[in-house]
Amino acid sequence: MAQQKQYILVDGYNVTHSWPQLKRMMGHDIDAAASLLVERLSVLHDAVSCEVTVVFDGKSDAVETMYPAGDKAPCVIYSPSGTSADAIIEQIVNNAPDGDAFTVVSKDNALCLSVFARGAHVISPETLLERVRKERDLMSKTLLAQRKKHNSDFGNKLFQ
């Protein structure tokens, strides 16, 4: 039986204000903080079999969807002006056939209660940060082990 695809929906500015390094950046460069959040979340998109979508409050007349680093990277959605990122996240979960496929990351109680009622999982920004750190550390260890093996294999062939 095929495993159901999993989705992580991130309340972008809510999480950005919750992660210490990004919160410090928000005061002087909100766009850089948002970009760094998306960059950090790419480790989950790459390492875990799930789709990561970060939703930010936007300023244009329509929903904007982009993949900053190509289709392998997290999706970024900007809500239209007058519509919150929370409303977009709620719409995504409400329109899905199975809310259980979604994990929503936010500290916004109203959003968390709404998506939880539709079957979505809810985690805090701090839990997401720990998950990102764990995956990043695991990926680093894996790459280091592969590099050592490759160097070992190359060295043995070179001097035989």
Protein backbone atom coordinates (compact mmCIF):
# COMPACT_ATOMS: atom_id res chain seq x y z
CA MET A 1 0.00 0.00 0.00
CA ALA A 2 1.42 3.38 -1.02
CA GLN A 3 2.11 5.83 1.76
CA GLN A 4 0.02 9.00 1.63
CA LYS A 5 1.95 12.10 0.63
CA GLN A 6 2.52 14.45 3.58
CA TYR A 7 2.47 18.24 3.51
CA ILE A 8 3.91 20.81 5.88
CA LEU A 9 2.19 24.20 5.77
CA VAL A 10 4.18 26.93 7.49
CA ASP A 11 2.65 30.21 8.68
CA GLY A 12 5.63 32.18 7.35
CA TYR A 13 5.80 35.38 9.35
CA ASN A 14 4.47 33.67 12.47
CA VAL A 15 7.38 31.23 12.37
CA THR A 16 9.85 33.94 11.36
CA HIS A 17 8.91 35.89 14.50
CA SER A 18 9.36 32.73 16.60
CA TRP A 19 12.85 31.66 15.53
CA PRO A 20 15.45 33.81 17.38
CA GLN A 21 17.86 34.43 14.49
CA LEU A 22 15.06 35.27 12.07
CA LYS A 23 13.28 37.46 14.61
CA ARG A 24 16.43 39.58 14.96
CA MET A 25 16.60 39.94 11.17
CA MET A 26 12.95 41.02 10.91
CA GLY A 27 13.76 44.43 12.36
CA HIS A 28 16.06 45.42 9.53
CA ASP A 29 15.39 43.10 6.57
CA ILE A 30 12.06 41.27 6.49
CA ASP A 31 12.70 39.85 3.00
CA ALA A 32 16.06 38.37 4.03
CA ALA A 33 14.45 36.80 7.10
CA ALA A 34 11.70 35.27 4.95
CA SER A 35 14.24 33.96 2.43
CA LEU A 36 16.38 32.43 5.16
CA LEU A 37 13.31 30.67 6.59
CA VAL A 38 12.57 29.11 3.20
CA GLU A 39 16.23 28.15 2.78
CA ARG A 40 16.32 26.48 6.21
CA LEU A 41 13.12 24.56 5.48
CA SER A 42 14.57 23.12 2.28
CA VAL A 43 16.32 20.47 4.39
CA LEU A 44 12.89 19.04 5.27
CA HIS A 45 11.76 19.18 1.69
CA ASP A 46 14.91 17.34 0.61
CA ALA A 47 15.33 14.86 3.47
CA VAL A 48 11.76 13.94 4.37
CA SER A 49 9.22 12.69 1.88
CA CYS A 50 6.88 15.64 2.22
CA GLU A 51 6.06 18.86 0.45
CA VAL A 52 6.87 22.04 2.34
CA THR A 53 4.85 25.17 1.64
CA VAL A 54 5.51 28.48 3.34
CA VAL A 55 2.63 30.97 3.29
CA PHE A 56 3.27 34.67 3.88
CA ASP A 57 0.94 37.64 4.05
CA GLY A 58 1.21 39.38 0.68
CA LYS A 59 0.61 42.79 -0.79
CA SER A 60 -0.50 42.18 -4.37
CA ASP A 61 -4.00 41.75 -5.80
CA ALA A 62 -3.72 37.99 -6.33
CA VAL A 63 -2.18 34.92 -4.76
CA GLU A 64 1.47 34.60 -5.79
CA THR A 65 3.08 31.16 -5.87
CA MET A 66 6.77 30.61 -6.47
CA TYR A 67 9.54 28.07 -6.11
CA PRO A 68 12.61 30.20 -5.30
CA ALA A 69 15.13 27.42 -5.95
CA GLY A 70 13.24 25.36 -8.50
CA ASP A 71 10.64 22.64 -8.09
CA LYS A 72 12.79 20.70 -5.60
CA ALA A 73 12.57 23.52 -3.06
CA PRO A 74 9.73 24.53 -0.78
CA CYS A 75 6.81 26.31 -2.39
CA VAL A 76 6.25 29.89 -1.27
CA ILE A 77 2.79 31.43 -1.39
CA TYR A 78 1.99 35.09 -0.79
CA SER A 79 -1.65 35.80 0.02
CA PRO A 80 -3.41 38.65 -1.78
CA SER A 81 -3.66 41.91 0.14
CA GLY A 82 -6.62 41.84 2.48
CA THR A 83 -6.33 38.07 2.92
CA SER A 84 -4.12 36.63 5.63
CA ALA A 85 -1.69 33.78 5.29
CA ASP A 86 -3.84 32.04 7.91
CA ALA A 87 -6.86 32.19 5.59
CA ILE A 88 -4.85 30.63 2.74
CA ILE A 89 -3.62 27.83 5.02
CA GLU A 90 -7.20 27.20 6.21
CA GLN A 91 -8.43 27.08 2.59
CA ILE A 92 -5.75 24.57 1.62
CA VAL A 93 -6.62 22.26 4.52
CA ASN A 94 -10.39 22.73 4.11
CA ASN A 95 -10.26 21.93 0.39
CA ALA A 96 -8.10 18.83 0.83
CA PRO A 97 -9.78 15.43 0.78
CA ASP A 98 -7.85 14.43 3.91
CA GLY A 99 -6.71 16.97 6.50
CA ASP A 100 -4.60 14.25 8.12
CA ALA A 101 -2.04 14.66 5.32
CA PHE A 102 -1.16 18.14 6.61
CA THR A 103 1.02 19.42 9.41
CA VAL A 104 0.48 23.11 10.08
CA VAL A 105 3.18 25.13 11.85
CA SER A 106 1.98 28.20 13.73
CA LYS A 107 1.48 29.73 17.15
CA ASP A 108 -1.79 31.35 16.05
CA ASN A 109 -4.40 29.68 18.25
CA ALA A 110 -7.35 30.40 15.94
CA LEU A 111 -5.53 28.92 12.94
CA CYS A 112 -4.34 25.90 14.92
CA LEU A 113 -7.84 25.14 16.22
CA SER A 114 -9.39 25.57 12.78
CA VAL A 115 -7.04 23.21 10.94
CA PHE A 116 -6.99 20.73 13.83
CA ALA A 117 -10.79 20.50 13.56
CA ARG A 118 -10.31 19.44 9.90
CA GLY A 119 -7.88 16.68 10.92
CA ALA A 120 -4.55 18.42 10.35
CA HIS A 121 -1.66 17.98 12.73
CA VAL A 122 -0.36 21.12 14.43
CA ILE A 123 3.16 21.77 15.68
CA SER A 124 4.84 24.82 17.15
CA PRO A 125 7.54 26.85 15.42
CA GLU A 126 9.98 25.62 18.08
CA THR A 127 9.19 21.99 17.26
CA LEU A 128 9.76 22.74 13.59
CA LEU A 129 13.11 24.37 14.40
CA GLU A 130 14.21 21.25 16.29
CA ARG A 131 13.13 19.08 13.37
CA VAL A 132 15.09 21.25 10.92
CA ARG A 133 18.19 21.10 13.13
CA LYS A 134 17.90 17.33 13.48
CA GLU A 135 17.54 16.79 9.73
CA ARG A 136 20.38 19.20 8.97
CA ASP A 137 22.66 17.37 11.42
CA LEU A 138 21.67 13.99 9.99
CA MET A 139 22.28 15.22 6.45
CA SER A 140 25.70 16.61 7.44
CA LYS A 141 26.71 13.30 9.03
CA THR A 142 25.53 11.37 5.99
CA LEU A 143 27.44 13.63 3.60
CA LEU A 144 30.56 13.41 5.72
CA ALA A 145 30.38 9.61 5.78
CA GLN A 146 29.88 9.51 2.01
CA ARG A 147 32.81 11.87 1.47
CA LYS A 148 35.07 9.72 3.66
CA LYS A 149 34.01 6.58 1.80
CA HIS A 150 34.53 8.25 -1.57
CA ASN A 151 37.96 9.55 -0.57
CA SER A 152 38.89 6.12 0.75
CA ASP A 153 37.73 4.38 -2.41
CA PHE A 154 39.47 6.91 -4.65
CA GLY A 155 42.71 6.71 -2.67
CA ASN A 156 42.79 2.91 -2.82
CA LYS A 157 42.33 2.88 -6.60
CA LEU A 158 44.84 5.63 -7.22
CA PHE A 159 47.77 3.90 -5.52
CA GLN A 160 47.18 0.26 -6.43
